[in-house]
Amino acid sequence: MTGPDDAGERLRLRSPGGEFALAVDRTGARVASLEHAATATELLLRLPWEDEDWSSAFPSTSSNEEWHRRYAGGWHTLVPHAGDARTVDRVEHPFHGEAAWRRWRVLDLDGSSCTLEVVLRTAPLTVRRTVHATATGVAVEQRVVNHSRRPAAFTWTEHPTFGGALAGPGSTLTLGGDPLDAAFPGGDRPPGGFRSVRAKGRGDVVLRNDDAGTAVTLRWDPELFPYLHVWQEHGGTVGFPWWGSVDAVALEPACRPYDPDDALGPLVLAGGEALSSRFELEATVRPPDRSSRPTKESR
């Protein structure tokens, strides 16, 4: 069934031809699931605690720790800030920015798309996000508006994270057609890592796992997002909060490098000004080979 789930927090979408099934959370407007319907292959990272009720949980002392305790994978948008919690002009910004923590309002919902909106309080920004289930995967369109009279600086990073179907010894990563060094499981490579690279005017990255027959291509505007953050976690965090259970590759188009300074930006909107962008994720999944299955012998 297409529409919100029983709790009213998750929106269900399907490609017009039924190729992919999507789920979108109202919290953070997060794309929680991208499943190839014919093979039931989940392409985004999903973790077993994603449906936990945190309303009565004792909160951690920092948003950094709380984010990692709750983190359930999927595709987040990080606005107006990405990275560690910080205070800018006496305003406290939580880990990865307010938009990812807030419950968004649903403006529109049909069988294959939904539009959500949130009015931020840590910056004078209204963020509107439309998620489309397409015949090849998912497309995300986002618009950020400065609803104040003064200039507003912010950072914008998209944070899609892919799971075990794409993360394995047979995986490779290319940016703009060129190989990109990555720490996939297997051999002597470490079980994870993080790096930030320049897109060099080529806003397309391909993650493929030939062993599993899966691949995703992410496309974006490299002029607005000239950096790509690559975060990998392959069971390396053996203690709290993941206990060795996370196997993930995040490919994050970003408007700036992963910078520990205390400024927002580098994007600046004048009062009443808006900024929009589109991201496209194309996925391919090889159906299982049924030709080699044994058949009953004729008698």
Protein backbone atom coordinates (compact mmCIF):
# COMPACT_ATOMS: atom_id res chain seq x y z
CA MET A 1 0.00 0.00 0.00
CA THR A 2 1.28 3.47 -0.86
CA GLY A 3 1.10 6.16 1.80
CA PRO A 4 2.09 6.74 5.43
CA ASP A 5 2.57 3.71 7.64
CA ASP A 6 0.44 3.08 10.73
CA ALA A 7 2.61 5.32 12.90
CA GLY A 8 2.30 8.19 10.41
CA GLU A 9 6.08 8.66 10.33
CA ARG A 10 7.12 6.73 7.23
CA LEU A 11 5.94 7.40 3.67
CA ARG A 12 5.85 4.54 1.16
CA LEU A 13 6.59 5.14 -2.52
CA ARG A 14 6.95 2.96 -5.61
CA SER A 15 8.37 3.56 -9.07
CA PRO A 16 5.65 4.10 -11.71
CA GLY A 17 6.54 0.72 -13.24
CA GLY A 18 7.08 -0.98 -9.88
CA GLU A 19 10.85 -1.33 -10.27
CA PHE A 20 11.80 0.14 -6.86
CA ALA A 21 10.08 0.54 -3.49
CA LEU A 22 11.07 3.48 -1.25
CA ALA A 23 10.40 4.53 2.32
CA VAL A 24 10.84 8.12 3.53
CA ASP A 25 10.85 9.09 7.21
CA ARG A 26 9.25 12.30 8.38
CA THR A 27 12.12 12.67 10.82
CA GLY A 28 14.86 14.33 8.82
CA ALA A 29 13.05 13.63 5.51
CA ARG A 30 15.41 10.64 5.43
CA VAL A 31 15.16 8.13 2.58
CA ALA A 32 15.06 5.08 4.84
CA SER A 33 14.88 2.35 2.22
CA LEU A 34 15.54 1.78 -1.49
CA GLU A 35 14.63 -1.77 -2.45
CA HIS A 36 14.87 -3.39 -5.87
CA ALA A 37 11.44 -4.99 -6.10
CA ALA A 38 12.20 -7.96 -8.37
CA THR A 39 15.02 -9.26 -6.18
CA ALA A 40 14.07 -7.73 -2.79
CA THR A 41 17.61 -6.29 -2.64
CA GLU A 42 18.02 -3.40 -0.19
CA LEU A 43 20.60 -0.90 -1.45
CA LEU A 44 20.70 1.63 1.39
CA LEU A 45 22.10 0.84 4.81
CA ARG A 46 19.39 -0.26 7.24
CA LEU A 47 20.13 -1.13 10.86
CA PRO A 48 18.06 -3.24 13.28
CA TRP A 49 17.32 -0.37 15.68
CA GLU A 50 15.89 2.00 13.03
CA ASP A 51 12.31 1.56 14.32
CA GLU A 52 13.17 2.07 17.99
CA ASP A 53 11.03 4.51 19.97
CA TRP A 54 13.43 7.06 21.46
CA SER A 55 10.81 9.23 23.15
CA SER A 56 11.39 7.73 26.59
CA ALA A 57 15.11 7.03 26.19
CA PHE A 58 17.63 8.68 28.49
CA PRO A 59 19.46 11.10 26.16
CA SER A 60 23.21 11.14 25.75
CA THR A 61 25.10 14.15 27.06
CA SER A 62 26.11 15.26 23.54
CA SER A 63 24.38 15.30 20.16
CA ASN A 64 27.50 13.68 18.65
CA GLU A 65 27.03 10.60 20.82
CA GLU A 66 23.26 10.61 20.49
CA TRP A 67 23.46 10.75 16.68
CA HIS A 68 25.70 7.69 16.53
CA ARG A 69 23.57 5.81 19.05
CA ARG A 70 20.42 6.40 16.97
CA TYR A 71 22.00 6.26 13.52
CA ALA A 72 20.02 3.88 11.29
CA GLY A 73 21.53 4.51 7.86
CA GLY A 74 19.58 5.69 4.82
CA TRP A 75 19.93 9.02 3.01
CA HIS A 76 19.98 12.21 5.12
CA THR A 77 20.26 15.85 4.18
CA LEU A 78 22.62 17.85 6.40
CA VAL A 79 21.59 21.53 6.69
CA PRO A 80 22.66 24.09 7.93
CA HIS A 81 25.74 22.30 9.21
CA ALA A 82 27.63 19.00 8.83
CA GLY A 83 30.06 17.49 11.30
CA ASP A 84 30.60 17.87 15.03
CA ALA A 85 28.25 19.95 17.15
CA ARG A 86 29.34 23.56 17.44
CA THR A 87 28.21 26.99 18.59
CA VAL A 88 28.18 29.81 16.03
CA ASP A 89 27.13 33.33 17.04
CA ARG A 90 25.76 31.89 20.31
CA VAL A 91 23.53 29.40 18.44
CA GLU A 92 24.10 25.72 19.22
CA HIS A 93 24.12 23.46 16.17
CA PRO A 94 23.75 19.70 16.80
CA PHE A 95 25.84 17.03 15.12
CA HIS A 96 25.12 17.03 11.35
CA GLY A 97 22.70 19.95 11.58
CA GLU A 98 19.16 20.62 12.75
CA ALA A 99 17.34 19.44 9.59
CA ALA A 100 18.37 15.80 10.14
CA TRP A 101 16.88 15.80 13.67
CA ARG A 102 13.55 17.54 13.03
CA ARG A 103 10.15 16.09 12.15
CA TRP A 104 9.21 17.50 8.73
CA ARG A 105 5.72 18.47 7.54
CA VAL A 106 4.25 16.51 4.61
CA LEU A 107 3.08 18.88 1.87
CA ASP A 108 2.29 16.36 -0.88
CA LEU A 109 2.16 12.60 -1.30
CA ASP A 110 1.24 10.39 -4.23
CA GLY A 111 2.17 6.92 -5.40
CA SER A 112 5.69 7.71 -6.54
CA SER A 113 6.73 10.97 -4.82
CA CYS A 114 6.44 12.99 -1.64
CA THR A 115 7.28 16.57 -0.66
CA LEU A 116 8.23 17.54 2.89
CA GLU A 117 9.21 20.85 4.49
CA VAL A 118 10.82 22.08 7.68
CA VAL A 119 11.35 25.60 9.07
CA LEU A 120 14.67 25.63 10.90
CA ARG A 121 15.27 27.49 14.17
CA THR A 122 19.08 27.41 14.25
CA ALA A 123 19.19 29.38 10.97
CA PRO A 124 16.53 31.42 9.14
CA LEU A 125 16.04 28.73 6.51
CA THR A 126 13.02 26.86 5.16
CA VAL A 127 13.96 23.56 3.51
CA ARG A 128 11.64 21.79 1.07
CA ARG A 129 12.54 18.31 -0.17
CA THR A 130 10.84 16.18 -2.84
CA VAL A 131 11.71 12.50 -3.21
CA HIS A 132 10.77 10.70 -6.44
CA ALA A 133 10.78 6.93 -6.92
CA THR A 134 11.98 6.52 -10.51
CA ALA A 135 12.32 3.62 -12.91
CA THR A 136 16.06 3.58 -12.20
CA GLY A 137 16.10 4.36 -8.46
CA VAL A 138 15.45 7.69 -6.76
CA ALA A 139 15.71 11.42 -7.48
CA VAL A 140 15.82 14.09 -4.77
CA GLU A 141 15.03 17.76 -5.38
CA GLN A 142 15.70 20.23 -2.57
CA ARG A 143 15.12 23.97 -2.18
CA VAL A 144 16.51 26.12 0.63
CA VAL A 145 14.99 29.57 1.23
CA ASN A 146 16.24 32.34 3.52
CA HIS A 147 12.99 33.54 5.08
CA SER A 148 14.66 36.43 6.93
CA ARG A 149 15.75 39.90 5.82
CA ARG A 150 19.42 39.33 6.57
CA PRO A 151 22.01 37.16 4.77
CA ALA A 152 22.17 33.59 6.02
CA ALA A 153 25.24 31.34 5.75
CA PHE A 154 24.97 27.56 5.81
CA THR A 155 26.53 24.27 4.79
CA TRP A 156 24.70 21.69 2.66
CA THR A 157 25.77 18.06 2.46
CA GLU A 158 23.82 15.05 1.18
CA HIS A 159 24.48 11.83 3.10
CA PRO A 160 23.33 8.62 1.33
CA THR A 161 24.76 5.48 2.93
CA PHE A 162 24.81 2.09 1.25
CA GLY A 163 24.79 -1.30 2.93
CA GLY A 164 26.17 -4.79 2.52
CA ALA A 165 24.73 -5.37 -0.97
CA LEU A 166 27.27 -2.83 -2.23
CA ALA A 167 30.06 -3.15 0.33
CA GLY A 168 32.26 -6.20 -0.07
CA PRO A 169 35.61 -7.51 -1.28
CA GLY A 170 34.38 -7.27 -4.87
CA SER A 171 33.44 -3.57 -4.60
CA THR A 172 35.02 -0.72 -6.57
CA LEU A 173 34.54 3.04 -6.55
CA THR A 174 35.03 5.54 -9.39
CA LEU A 175 34.61 9.32 -9.48
CA GLY A 176 34.10 10.91 -12.88
CA GLY A 177 35.23 7.64 -14.46
CA ASP A 178 38.52 7.52 -12.54
CA PRO A 179 39.24 4.89 -9.85
CA LEU A 180 38.94 6.20 -6.30
CA ASP A 181 40.91 4.51 -3.56
CA ALA A 182 38.62 2.99 -0.92
CA ALA A 183 38.99 0.68 2.08
CA PHE A 184 36.70 -2.24 1.22
CA PRO A 185 36.81 -5.44 3.27
CA GLY A 186 39.30 -8.08 2.27
CA GLY A 187 43.06 -8.50 2.20
CA ASP A 188 45.13 -6.16 4.34
CA ARG A 189 42.86 -3.13 3.97
CA PRO A 190 41.61 -1.46 7.18
CA PRO A 191 37.93 -1.97 8.10
CA GLY A 192 36.86 1.59 7.31
CA GLY A 193 38.00 5.15 6.80
CA PHE A 194 37.06 8.70 5.81
CA ARG A 195 38.32 11.00 3.09
CA SER A 196 37.18 14.16 1.34
CA VAL A 197 38.09 14.61 -2.35
CA ARG A 198 37.48 17.24 -5.00
CA ALA A 199 34.85 16.34 -7.58
CA LYS A 200 36.95 18.21 -10.21
CA GLY A 201 33.88 19.30 -12.15
CA ARG A 202 32.56 15.74 -12.49
CA GLY A 203 29.55 15.14 -10.31
CA ASP A 204 29.10 11.40 -10.69
CA VAL A 205 30.35 8.59 -8.50
CA VAL A 206 29.84 4.87 -9.15
CA LEU A 207 29.90 2.21 -6.43
CA ARG A 208 29.67 -1.34 -7.70
CA ASN A 209 29.99 -4.81 -6.25
CA ASP A 210 30.55 -7.24 -9.11
CA ASP A 211 30.44 -10.21 -6.76
CA ALA A 212 26.86 -9.33 -5.80
CA GLY A 213 25.83 -7.95 -9.19
CA THR A 214 24.88 -4.55 -7.77
CA ALA A 215 25.82 -0.98 -8.67
CA VAL A 216 24.71 2.57 -7.93
CA THR A 217 25.54 5.80 -9.73
CA LEU A 218 25.02 9.09 -7.87
CA ARG A 219 24.88 12.32 -9.91
CA TRP A 220 24.84 15.92 -8.65
CA ASP A 221 25.83 19.49 -9.53
CA PRO A 222 29.62 19.67 -9.02
CA GLU A 223 29.67 23.46 -9.14
CA LEU A 224 27.43 23.72 -6.08
CA PHE A 225 28.88 20.59 -4.43
CA PRO A 226 32.56 20.46 -5.45
CA TYR A 227 33.54 17.88 -2.80
CA LEU A 228 32.72 14.25 -2.14
CA HIS A 229 33.09 12.79 1.34
CA VAL A 230 33.60 9.02 1.42
CA TRP A 231 32.90 7.41 4.79
CA GLN A 232 33.35 3.68 5.30
CA GLU A 233 32.63 1.49 8.31
CA HIS A 234 33.12 -2.26 7.95
CA GLY A 235 32.72 -3.65 11.45
CA GLY A 236 35.61 -1.58 12.75
CA THR A 237 33.69 -0.03 15.66
CA VAL A 238 33.63 -3.11 17.86
CA GLY A 239 32.38 -1.28 20.96
CA PHE A 240 29.62 1.26 21.58
CA PRO A 241 27.52 2.27 19.71
CA TRP A 242 27.56 -0.31 16.89
CA TRP A 243 29.30 -3.34 18.40
CA GLY A 244 30.84 -4.35 15.06
CA SER A 245 27.47 -4.63 13.28
CA VAL A 246 27.73 -1.79 10.74
CA ASP A 247 28.92 -2.44 7.18
CA ALA A 248 28.50 0.78 5.21
CA VAL A 249 29.75 3.09 2.47
CA ALA A 250 28.54 6.71 2.46
CA LEU A 251 29.00 8.89 -0.64
CA GLU A 252 28.36 12.50 0.36
CA PRO A 253 28.27 15.41 -2.13
CA ALA A 254 29.26 18.49 -0.13
CA CYS A 255 29.61 22.21 -0.66
CA ARG A 256 32.85 22.30 1.38
CA PRO A 257 35.53 19.96 2.71
CA TYR A 258 34.95 18.30 6.04
CA ASP A 259 36.24 21.28 7.97
CA PRO A 260 36.48 21.46 11.78
CA ASP A 261 36.29 25.28 11.91
CA ASP A 262 33.46 27.05 13.73
CA ALA A 263 31.85 28.84 10.78
CA LEU A 264 28.69 28.07 8.90
CA GLY A 265 28.88 28.37 5.14
CA PRO A 266 30.29 28.67 2.53
CA LEU A 267 26.82 29.06 1.00
CA VAL A 268 25.21 32.46 1.64
CA LEU A 269 21.66 33.48 0.73
CA ALA A 270 20.46 37.07 0.81
CA GLY A 271 17.16 37.80 2.52
CA GLY A 272 14.33 36.12 0.58
CA GLU A 273 16.75 34.32 -1.76
CA ALA A 274 16.48 30.62 -2.59
CA LEU A 275 18.85 27.86 -3.74
CA SER A 276 17.79 24.58 -5.37
CA SER A 277 19.53 21.42 -6.51
CA ARG A 278 18.77 17.90 -7.74
CA PHE A 279 20.43 14.56 -6.99
CA GLU A 280 19.86 11.37 -8.99
CA LEU A 281 20.65 7.85 -7.86
CA GLU A 282 20.57 5.15 -10.51
CA ALA A 283 20.70 1.56 -9.26
CA THR A 284 21.17 -1.73 -11.08
CA VAL A 285 20.73 -5.18 -9.63
CA ARG A 286 21.50 -8.36 -11.53
CA PRO A 287 18.67 -10.88 -11.10
CA PRO A 288 19.74 -14.29 -9.77
CA ASP A 289 20.84 -16.77 -12.43
CA ARG A 290 18.16 -19.44 -12.47
CA SER A 291 19.60 -21.32 -15.44
CA SER A 292 21.95 -23.38 -13.27
CA ARG A 293 19.25 -24.56 -10.85
CA PRO A 294 18.64 -28.33 -10.97
CA THR A 295 15.37 -29.48 -12.53
CA LYS A 296 13.37 -32.59 -11.89
CA GLU A 297 14.36 -35.48 -14.07
CA SER A 298 11.74 -36.76 -16.52
CA ARG A 299 10.83 -40.37 -16.05
